[in-house]
Protein backbone atom coordinates (compact mmCIF):
# COMPACT_ATOMS: atom_id res chain seq x y z
CA MET A 1 -1.17 230.59 93.53
CA HIS A 2 2.21 232.30 92.32
CA ILE A 3 3.69 233.42 89.16
CA VAL A 4 6.90 231.49 88.07
CA ILE A 5 9.10 233.09 85.61
CA ASN A 6 11.95 230.63 84.32
CA LYS A 7 13.73 230.90 81.10
CA LYS A 8 11.68 232.29 78.59
CA TYR A 9 8.65 231.37 79.90
CA LEU A 10 5.99 232.56 82.99
CA THR A 11 3.66 229.87 84.43
CA TYR A 12 0.42 231.28 86.53
CA GLU A 13 -1.80 228.05 87.58
CA ASN A 14 -2.17 226.26 84.26
CA TYR A 15 -1.36 229.15 81.84
CA LYS A 16 2.45 229.43 80.67
CA VAL A 17 2.94 231.67 78.05
CA LYS A 18 6.49 232.88 76.54
CA CYS A 19 7.98 236.25 77.99
CA ALA A 20 10.95 238.33 77.62
CA LEU A 21 13.78 239.36 80.29
CA GLY A 22 16.44 241.22 80.67
CA LYS A 23 19.40 241.70 78.24
CA ARG A 24 21.79 239.21 80.61
CA GLY A 25 19.27 236.71 81.98
CA ILE A 26 18.26 236.05 85.16
CA ALA A 27 21.04 236.56 88.31
CA PHE A 28 21.06 238.08 91.37
CA LYS A 29 20.73 242.24 90.48
CA ARG A 30 23.98 244.30 91.29
CA LYS A 31 23.38 247.23 90.44
CA GLU A 32 21.32 250.16 88.18
CA GLY A 33 21.69 249.23 84.61
CA ASP A 34 23.26 245.98 84.70
CA PHE A 35 20.49 244.46 82.20
CA VAL A 36 19.22 241.18 84.53
CA THR A 37 16.34 240.15 85.88
CA PRO A 38 16.33 240.26 89.40
CA LYS A 39 16.43 236.61 91.32
CA GLY A 40 13.79 236.37 94.32
CA LYS A 41 10.22 236.55 95.24
CA TYR A 42 8.11 239.62 94.93
CA LYS A 43 4.64 240.72 95.79
CA ILE A 44 2.98 242.67 93.92
CA LYS A 45 2.39 246.75 94.20
CA TYR A 46 -0.30 247.72 92.20
CA ILE A 47 -1.28 247.99 88.12
CA LEU A 48 -0.36 250.89 86.28
CA TYR A 49 -2.32 251.43 82.72
CA ARG A 50 -2.98 253.97 80.33
CA LYS A 51 -6.87 254.67 80.38
CA ASP A 52 -7.22 255.89 77.00
CA ARG A 53 -5.46 252.01 75.07
CA ILE A 54 -6.91 249.83 77.98
CA LYS A 55 -10.95 250.07 78.26
CA LYS A 56 -11.47 247.89 81.53
CA ILE A 57 -9.13 246.12 83.87
CA ASN A 58 -10.61 243.47 85.84
CA SER A 59 -7.90 242.56 89.02
CA LYS A 60 -8.16 242.61 92.85
CA ILE A 61 -5.22 244.63 92.42
CA LYS A 62 -4.76 248.13 93.45
CA LYS A 63 -4.93 249.68 89.92
CA ILE A 64 -3.44 253.52 88.83
CA ALA A 65 -4.16 255.25 85.57
CA ILE A 66 -0.75 256.02 83.56
CA LYS A 67 -0.94 260.33 83.54
CA LYS A 68 1.32 262.31 81.00
CA ASN A 69 3.02 263.62 83.81
CA MET A 70 4.27 260.73 85.45
CA GLY A 71 7.59 258.88 85.48
CA TRP A 72 9.57 256.40 87.68
CA CYS A 73 12.70 257.95 89.33
CA ASN A 74 15.56 255.49 88.45
CA ASP A 75 18.60 258.24 89.30
CA SER A 76 19.84 257.35 92.61
CA LYS A 77 21.19 261.02 94.28
CA SER A 78 16.68 261.30 94.11
CA LYS A 79 15.29 260.63 97.68
CA ASN A 80 12.36 259.27 95.11
CA TYR A 81 15.05 257.07 93.39
CA ASN A 82 12.77 253.63 92.79
CA LYS A 83 9.36 255.20 93.03
CA LEU A 84 6.45 257.09 91.08
CA ILE A 85 7.20 260.47 90.33
CA LYS A 86 5.39 263.60 88.55
CA LEU A 87 7.25 265.49 85.97
CA PRO A 88 9.07 267.32 85.02
CA SER A 89 12.40 266.54 87.41
CA VAL A 90 15.73 267.26 88.05
CA TYR A 91 16.57 263.78 88.39
CA ASN A 92 17.13 261.18 85.52
CA PHE A 93 13.93 259.07 85.19
CA GLU A 94 11.85 256.91 83.21
CA LYS A 95 8.54 258.48 81.62
CA LEU A 96 5.89 256.04 81.89
CA PHE A 97 3.18 257.68 79.21
CA LYS A 98 5.24 256.20 76.26
CA ASN A 99 4.48 256.34 72.45
CA ASN A 100 4.86 252.74 71.94
CA ASN A 101 2.41 250.47 73.81
CA THR A 102 5.48 248.25 76.17
CA TYR A 103 3.80 250.46 79.26
CA ASP A 104 0.41 250.10 78.22
CA ILE A 105 -0.10 247.92 81.29
CA LEU A 106 2.31 247.49 83.98
CA ILE A 107 2.79 245.07 86.97
CA VAL A 108 4.65 246.72 89.30
CA LEU A 109 7.04 244.62 91.57
CA ASP A 110 8.44 245.25 95.04
CA TYR A 111 11.55 244.65 94.37
CA ASN A 112 14.22 246.92 96.11
CA MET A 113 11.41 249.38 98.01
CA ASN A 114 11.68 248.02 101.21
CA PRO A 115 14.19 249.33 102.21
CA THR A 116 15.47 250.91 98.91
CA ILE A 117 19.27 250.61 98.24
CA LYS A 118 21.08 253.26 96.48
CA ASN A 119 22.06 251.91 92.83
CA LYS A 120 21.07 248.11 93.47
CA GLY A 121 18.36 248.64 90.83
CA SER A 122 14.75 250.23 89.75
CA ALA A 123 11.50 249.60 88.36
CA ILE A 124 11.24 245.74 87.73
CA PHE A 125 7.53 245.31 86.12
CA ILE A 126 5.81 242.96 84.12
CA HIS A 127 4.90 244.66 80.96
CA VAL A 128 4.15 244.65 76.85
CA ALA A 129 6.36 243.12 75.15
CA LYS A 130 7.94 244.39 71.91
CA LYS A 131 7.93 243.06 68.82
CA ASN A 132 9.58 239.48 68.27
CA TYR A 133 10.14 239.21 72.31
CA LYS A 134 13.08 241.46 72.04
CA LYS A 135 15.19 241.47 75.28
CA THR A 136 14.49 244.37 78.09
CA GLU A 137 16.34 246.15 80.65
CA GLY A 138 15.31 244.02 83.17
CA CYS A 139 11.92 244.07 83.26
CA ILE A 140 9.45 240.76 81.93
CA ALA A 141 7.73 241.10 79.24
CA LEU A 142 4.80 239.16 77.46
CA LYS A 143 2.09 239.56 74.67
CA LYS A 144 -0.81 242.51 75.70
CA ASN A 145 -3.42 239.97 75.89
CA ASP A 146 -1.41 237.21 78.00
CA LEU A 147 -1.13 240.18 80.59
CA LEU A 148 -4.55 241.05 80.48
CA LYS A 149 -5.20 237.46 81.12
CA ILE A 150 -2.87 236.85 84.02
CA ILE A 151 -4.27 240.09 85.59
CA LYS A 152 -7.74 239.28 85.27
CA LYS A 153 -6.52 235.94 87.61
CA LEU A 154 -4.12 237.95 90.33
CA LYS A 155 -4.91 238.09 94.14
CA LYS A 156 -3.57 240.38 96.71
CA ASN A 157 -1.17 237.24 97.89
CA THR A 158 0.22 236.70 94.40
CA VAL A 159 3.80 236.44 94.84
CA VAL A 160 5.97 237.12 91.60
CA LYS A 161 8.75 233.95 91.75
CA ILE A 162 11.65 234.86 89.16
CA VAL A 163 14.08 231.42 89.13
CA SER A 164 17.69 231.11 88.02
CA GLN A 165 18.11 229.53 84.57
CA LYS A 166 19.52 226.27 84.02
């Protein structure tokens, strides 16, 4: 089974939940910072999570605990563009160990990873939604409980299909 994301919903098997998307909706991603959730099919690389906030994650997908010195490079000048990095860094990055709960759980999609094209965009995650499903910079966001339920059912070959809004 695949995860399908369309308009404001994520569907997996018989489970359909509300989700937040990028401020500019679903489209073909053109560049870093364009606020678009990229249309396409993506594999799940791994799950990142805060061990201090999520006690146990049941999943067949590889899991990595987020440490305080972890970030994601979003600077196309770096050889580590669109990769998990150790902080500090002289390049621009997004800190993964956040005070708010949006990055308590991250499903990392393989968007722009093989090969990585500079400036095409980085870090498309499925993560915890802000209150009222506030729009994202391009990621997909769900309620924490919905995310935990979906993670339990994921298989190594699960594909995430992000389809155009109609």
